[in-house]
Amino acid sequence: MKVHGNARLLPRQRMLMCRRVRLEGWNVAQVAEAFDVSERTVYRWLARFDAGAVPARPVVGTEVPPTRTPREVEMLFEQLRRTRWTAPRIAAELGMPTRRCAPCSSASG
């Protein structure tokens, strides 16, 4: 999740703030003081939490990391590079994005 530069709280802090009020029994004034935000901000995030917009647990690893190019494709890429094909041409031939060819080309030398 991207957080803009002026955001006062990170997503995990928002979740913790909501959990403290709803599950741990803190009052809004205590939470606002602890997180150095206004009570209005706490109420705003509590409304989102109650509506389900704030996950009850932090979501870790939601972004899918790029997968490694299969070894067979890397070997084929290397063979085509040795015949002087360019990375964009190879990518088009193999049906893969050009940016996925960069790791293959650096690995093959």
N, C-alpha and C. Protein backbone atom coordinates (compact mmCIF):
# COMPACT_ATOMS: atom_id res chain seq x y z
N MET A 1 0.84 -1.17 0.00
CA MET A 1 0.00 0.00 0.00
C MET A 1 0.88 1.23 0.00
N LYS A 2 0.61 2.14 -0.87
CA LYS A 2 1.38 3.37 -0.92
C LYS A 2 0.80 4.37 0.07
N VAL A 3 1.67 5.05 0.78
CA VAL A 3 1.27 6.06 1.75
C VAL A 3 1.86 7.38 1.28
N HIS A 4 1.02 8.41 1.18
CA HIS A 4 1.55 9.69 0.71
C HIS A 4 2.46 10.30 1.76
N GLY A 5 3.31 11.21 1.34
CA GLY A 5 4.36 11.76 2.19
C GLY A 5 3.88 12.49 3.43
N ASN A 6 2.66 13.03 3.41
CA ASN A 6 2.16 13.77 4.55
C ASN A 6 1.32 12.92 5.50
N ALA A 7 1.21 11.64 5.25
CA ALA A 7 0.41 10.77 6.10
C ALA A 7 1.01 10.72 7.51
N ARG A 8 0.17 10.95 8.49
CA ARG A 8 0.63 10.98 9.88
C ARG A 8 0.85 9.57 10.43
N LEU A 9 0.05 8.63 9.96
CA LEU A 9 0.11 7.26 10.47
C LEU A 9 0.36 6.27 9.33
N LEU A 10 1.15 5.27 9.64
CA LEU A 10 1.35 4.17 8.70
C LEU A 10 0.18 3.20 8.83
N PRO A 11 -0.06 2.37 7.84
CA PRO A 11 -1.18 1.43 7.92
C PRO A 11 -1.16 0.57 9.18
N ARG A 12 0.00 0.10 9.59
CA ARG A 12 0.03 -0.73 10.80
C ARG A 12 -0.29 0.08 12.04
N GLN A 13 0.05 1.38 12.04
CA GLN A 13 -0.29 2.23 13.18
C GLN A 13 -1.79 2.50 13.23
N ARG A 14 -2.41 2.67 12.07
CA ARG A 14 -3.85 2.86 12.02
C ARG A 14 -4.57 1.64 12.57
N MET A 15 -4.10 0.47 12.15
CA MET A 15 -4.70 -0.77 12.62
C MET A 15 -4.53 -0.91 14.13
N LEU A 16 -3.33 -0.61 14.63
CA LEU A 16 -3.07 -0.70 16.07
C LEU A 16 -3.93 0.29 16.84
N MET A 17 -4.10 1.48 16.31
CA MET A 17 -4.92 2.50 16.94
C MET A 17 -6.36 2.00 17.07
N CYS A 18 -6.89 1.42 16.01
CA CYS A 18 -8.26 0.90 16.03
C CYS A 18 -8.40 -0.28 16.98
N ARG A 19 -7.41 -1.14 16.97
CA ARG A 19 -7.45 -2.31 17.87
C ARG A 19 -7.44 -1.89 19.33
N ARG A 20 -6.67 -0.85 19.64
CA ARG A 20 -6.60 -0.41 21.03
C ARG A 20 -7.94 0.10 21.52
N VAL A 21 -8.67 0.78 20.66
CA VAL A 21 -9.98 1.29 21.08
C VAL A 21 -11.01 0.17 21.12
N ARG A 22 -11.10 -0.59 20.04
CA ARG A 22 -12.17 -1.60 19.92
C ARG A 22 -11.91 -2.88 20.71
N LEU A 23 -10.66 -3.31 20.79
CA LEU A 23 -10.38 -4.60 21.41
C LEU A 23 -9.70 -4.51 22.78
N GLU A 24 -8.92 -3.48 23.01
CA GLU A 24 -8.18 -3.39 24.26
C GLU A 24 -8.80 -2.43 25.26
N GLY A 25 -9.86 -1.73 24.87
CA GLY A 25 -10.60 -0.90 25.81
C GLY A 25 -10.03 0.49 26.09
N TRP A 26 -9.11 0.96 25.28
CA TRP A 26 -8.61 2.32 25.47
C TRP A 26 -9.72 3.28 25.06
N ASN A 27 -9.69 4.51 25.64
CA ASN A 27 -10.65 5.49 25.16
C ASN A 27 -10.00 6.32 24.06
N VAL A 28 -10.83 7.04 23.32
CA VAL A 28 -10.37 7.76 22.14
C VAL A 28 -9.32 8.81 22.50
N ALA A 29 -9.51 9.49 23.61
CA ALA A 29 -8.57 10.54 24.01
C ALA A 29 -7.19 9.96 24.30
N GLN A 30 -7.14 8.81 24.95
CA GLN A 30 -5.85 8.16 25.24
C GLN A 30 -5.13 7.77 23.96
N VAL A 31 -5.87 7.19 23.04
CA VAL A 31 -5.28 6.75 21.78
C VAL A 31 -4.80 7.95 20.97
N ALA A 32 -5.60 9.00 20.93
CA ALA A 32 -5.22 10.20 20.19
C ALA A 32 -3.92 10.78 20.75
N GLU A 33 -3.81 10.81 22.07
CA GLU A 33 -2.59 11.34 22.68
C GLU A 33 -1.40 10.41 22.42
N ALA A 34 -1.61 9.12 22.50
CA ALA A 34 -0.53 8.16 22.31
C ALA A 34 0.02 8.22 20.88
N PHE A 35 -0.85 8.45 19.91
CA PHE A 35 -0.42 8.47 18.51
C PHE A 35 -0.19 9.89 17.98
N ASP A 36 -0.37 10.87 18.87
CA ASP A 36 -0.14 12.27 18.52
C ASP A 36 -0.98 12.71 17.33
N VAL A 37 -2.27 12.36 17.40
CA VAL A 37 -3.23 12.77 16.38
C VAL A 37 -4.46 13.34 17.11
N SER A 38 -5.36 13.94 16.36
CA SER A 38 -6.57 14.49 16.96
C SER A 38 -7.59 13.37 17.22
N GLU A 39 -8.52 13.65 18.11
CA GLU A 39 -9.58 12.68 18.38
C GLU A 39 -10.42 12.46 17.12
N ARG A 40 -10.57 13.52 16.34
CA ARG A 40 -11.33 13.41 15.10
C ARG A 40 -10.69 12.38 14.17
N THR A 41 -9.35 12.37 14.10
CA THR A 41 -8.65 11.39 13.27
C THR A 41 -8.90 9.98 13.77
N VAL A 42 -8.90 9.81 15.08
CA VAL A 42 -9.16 8.47 15.65
C VAL A 42 -10.57 8.03 15.28
N TYR A 43 -11.55 8.92 15.44
CA TYR A 43 -12.92 8.56 15.09
C TYR A 43 -13.06 8.23 13.60
N ARG A 44 -12.35 8.97 12.77
CA ARG A 44 -12.39 8.72 11.33
C ARG A 44 -11.88 7.32 11.01
N TRP A 45 -10.74 6.93 11.61
CA TRP A 45 -10.19 5.61 11.34
C TRP A 45 -11.00 4.51 12.00
N LEU A 46 -11.65 4.82 13.13
CA LEU A 46 -12.54 3.82 13.74
C LEU A 46 -13.73 3.54 12.83
N ALA A 47 -14.26 4.57 12.19
CA ALA A 47 -15.38 4.36 11.26
C ALA A 47 -14.95 3.48 10.10
N ARG A 48 -13.75 3.71 9.60
CA ARG A 48 -13.24 2.88 8.50
C ARG A 48 -12.98 1.45 8.97
N PHE A 49 -12.47 1.32 10.19
CA PHE A 49 -12.21 0.00 10.77
C PHE A 49 -13.51 -0.78 10.92
N ASP A 50 -14.55 -0.10 11.44
CA ASP A 50 -15.85 -0.75 11.62
C ASP A 50 -16.49 -1.13 10.29
N ALA A 51 -16.21 -0.35 9.26
CA ALA A 51 -16.76 -0.64 7.93
C ALA A 51 -15.96 -1.73 7.21
N GLY A 52 -14.82 -2.13 7.78
CA GLY A 52 -14.00 -3.17 7.17
C GLY A 52 -12.95 -2.63 6.23
N ALA A 53 -12.76 -1.31 6.18
CA ALA A 53 -11.78 -0.73 5.26
C ALA A 53 -10.36 -0.85 5.80
N VAL A 54 -10.22 -1.04 7.11
CA VAL A 54 -8.90 -1.23 7.72
C VAL A 54 -8.82 -2.69 8.11
N PRO A 55 -7.85 -3.44 7.59
CA PRO A 55 -7.78 -4.86 7.93
C PRO A 55 -7.56 -5.07 9.42
N ALA A 56 -8.16 -6.11 9.97
CA ALA A 56 -8.01 -6.40 11.39
C ALA A 56 -6.58 -6.83 11.72
N ARG A 57 -5.92 -7.41 10.75
CA ARG A 57 -4.51 -7.79 10.92
C ARG A 57 -3.72 -7.16 9.79
N PRO A 58 -2.46 -6.83 10.04
CA PRO A 58 -1.68 -6.26 8.94
C PRO A 58 -1.51 -7.26 7.81
N VAL A 59 -1.63 -6.76 6.61
CA VAL A 59 -1.47 -7.59 5.43
C VAL A 59 -0.01 -7.51 5.01
N VAL A 60 0.70 -8.61 5.14
CA VAL A 60 2.12 -8.63 4.83
C VAL A 60 2.33 -9.36 3.52
N GLY A 61 3.13 -8.77 2.67
CA GLY A 61 3.48 -9.43 1.42
C GLY A 61 2.36 -9.49 0.42
N THR A 62 1.53 -8.43 0.37
CA THR A 62 0.43 -8.46 -0.58
C THR A 62 0.90 -8.23 -2.00
N GLU A 63 2.02 -7.56 -2.15
CA GLU A 63 2.55 -7.35 -3.48
C GLU A 63 3.25 -8.63 -3.94
N VAL A 64 2.92 -9.07 -5.11
CA VAL A 64 3.49 -10.30 -5.63
C VAL A 64 4.91 -10.00 -6.14
N PRO A 65 5.91 -10.64 -5.54
CA PRO A 65 7.26 -10.40 -6.03
C PRO A 65 7.44 -11.00 -7.42
N PRO A 66 8.29 -10.40 -8.22
CA PRO A 66 8.50 -10.98 -9.55
C PRO A 66 9.09 -12.38 -9.43
N THR A 67 8.56 -13.27 -10.21
CA THR A 67 9.07 -14.64 -10.17
C THR A 67 10.28 -14.75 -11.07
N ARG A 68 11.11 -15.69 -10.73
CA ARG A 68 12.31 -15.91 -11.52
C ARG A 68 11.93 -16.50 -12.87
N THR A 69 12.63 -16.07 -13.88
CA THR A 69 12.42 -16.62 -15.22
C THR A 69 12.86 -18.08 -15.21
N PRO A 70 12.04 -18.98 -15.74
CA PRO A 70 12.43 -20.39 -15.74
C PRO A 70 13.78 -20.61 -16.43
N ARG A 71 14.51 -21.57 -15.94
CA ARG A 71 15.87 -21.85 -16.44
C ARG A 71 15.87 -22.16 -17.94
N GLU A 72 14.83 -22.87 -18.41
CA GLU A 72 14.76 -23.21 -19.83
C GLU A 72 14.67 -21.95 -20.68
N VAL A 73 13.88 -20.98 -20.20
CA VAL A 73 13.73 -19.72 -20.94
C VAL A 73 15.05 -18.95 -20.91
N GLU A 74 15.73 -18.96 -19.77
CA GLU A 74 17.02 -18.28 -19.69
C GLU A 74 18.02 -18.89 -20.67
N MET A 75 18.02 -20.21 -20.77
CA MET A 75 18.94 -20.88 -21.70
C MET A 75 18.59 -20.54 -23.14
N LEU A 76 17.30 -20.51 -23.47
CA LEU A 76 16.87 -20.13 -24.81
C LEU A 76 17.24 -18.69 -25.10
N PHE A 77 17.06 -17.82 -24.11
CA PHE A 77 17.43 -16.41 -24.25
C PHE A 77 18.92 -16.30 -24.55
N GLU A 78 19.71 -17.04 -23.82
CA GLU A 78 21.16 -16.99 -24.02
C GLU A 78 21.54 -17.44 -25.44
N GLN A 79 20.89 -18.49 -25.92
CA GLN A 79 21.18 -18.97 -27.27
C GLN A 79 20.81 -17.92 -28.32
N LEU A 80 19.67 -17.27 -28.13
CA LEU A 80 19.24 -16.26 -29.09
C LEU A 80 20.13 -15.02 -29.02
N ARG A 81 20.62 -14.68 -27.86
CA ARG A 81 21.53 -13.54 -27.73
C ARG A 81 22.84 -13.82 -28.47
N ARG A 82 23.27 -15.07 -28.43
CA ARG A 82 24.52 -15.43 -29.12
C ARG A 82 24.37 -15.34 -30.64
N THR A 83 23.11 -15.40 -31.12
CA THR A 83 22.87 -15.22 -32.56
C THR A 83 22.60 -13.75 -32.89
N ARG A 84 22.89 -12.87 -31.94
CA ARG A 84 22.80 -11.41 -32.09
C ARG A 84 21.37 -10.86 -32.14
N TRP A 85 20.43 -11.59 -31.55
CA TRP A 85 19.08 -11.05 -31.45
C TRP A 85 19.07 -10.01 -30.33
N THR A 86 18.26 -8.98 -30.47
CA THR A 86 18.14 -7.97 -29.42
C THR A 86 17.14 -8.44 -28.36
N ALA A 87 17.24 -7.84 -27.18
CA ALA A 87 16.34 -8.22 -26.09
C ALA A 87 14.87 -7.98 -26.45
N PRO A 88 14.51 -6.84 -27.08
CA PRO A 88 13.10 -6.66 -27.45
C PRO A 88 12.60 -7.70 -28.44
N ARG A 89 13.46 -8.08 -29.38
CA ARG A 89 13.06 -9.10 -30.37
C ARG A 89 12.86 -10.46 -29.67
N ILE A 90 13.77 -10.79 -28.76
CA ILE A 90 13.65 -12.05 -28.02
C ILE A 90 12.38 -12.04 -27.18
N ALA A 91 12.13 -10.91 -26.52
CA ALA A 91 10.94 -10.81 -25.68
C ALA A 91 9.67 -11.01 -26.51
N ALA A 92 9.63 -10.40 -27.68
CA ALA A 92 8.47 -10.56 -28.55
C ALA A 92 8.32 -12.01 -29.00
N GLU A 93 9.42 -12.64 -29.33
CA GLU A 93 9.40 -14.03 -29.78
C GLU A 93 8.94 -14.98 -28.67
N LEU A 94 9.40 -14.71 -27.45
CA LEU A 94 9.06 -15.59 -26.31
C LEU A 94 7.76 -15.19 -25.63
N GLY A 95 7.19 -14.05 -26.03
CA GLY A 95 5.93 -13.61 -25.45
C GLY A 95 6.07 -13.15 -24.00
N MET A 96 7.17 -12.47 -23.72
CA MET A 96 7.39 -11.98 -22.36
C MET A 96 7.74 -10.50 -22.41
N PRO A 97 7.54 -9.76 -21.30
CA PRO A 97 7.89 -8.35 -21.30
C PRO A 97 9.39 -8.14 -21.48
N THR A 98 9.76 -7.05 -22.12
CA THR A 98 11.17 -6.77 -22.35
C THR A 98 11.93 -6.63 -21.04
N ARG A 99 11.27 -6.06 -20.01
CA ARG A 99 11.96 -5.86 -18.72
C ARG A 99 12.35 -7.18 -18.07
N ARG A 100 11.66 -8.27 -18.43
CA ARG A 100 12.02 -9.58 -17.88
C ARG A 100 13.28 -10.14 -18.55
N CYS A 101 13.69 -9.54 -19.64
CA CYS A 101 14.89 -10.00 -20.35
C CYS A 101 16.17 -9.48 -19.72
N ALA A 102 16.09 -8.39 -18.99
CA ALA A 102 17.30 -7.78 -18.40
C ALA A 102 18.00 -8.73 -17.45
N PRO A 103 17.29 -9.42 -16.51
CA PRO A 103 18.00 -10.36 -15.65
C PRO A 103 18.65 -11.49 -16.42
N CYS A 104 17.98 -11.93 -17.50
CA CYS A 104 18.55 -13.00 -18.32
C CYS A 104 19.82 -12.55 -19.01
N SER A 105 19.79 -11.32 -19.54
CA SER A 105 20.96 -10.84 -20.28
C SER A 105 22.14 -10.59 -19.36
N SER A 106 21.87 -10.11 -18.12
CA SER A 106 22.99 -9.88 -17.20
C SER A 106 23.54 -11.21 -16.70
N ALA A 107 22.70 -12.22 -16.62
CA ALA A 107 23.16 -13.53 -16.16
C ALA A 107 24.01 -14.22 -17.24
N SER A 108 23.64 -13.96 -18.50
CA SER A 108 24.37 -14.63 -19.57
C SER A 108 25.66 -13.93 -19.98
N GLY A 109 25.81 -12.71 -19.49
CA GLY A 109 27.07 -12.00 -19.75
C GLY A 109 27.06 -11.21 -20.93
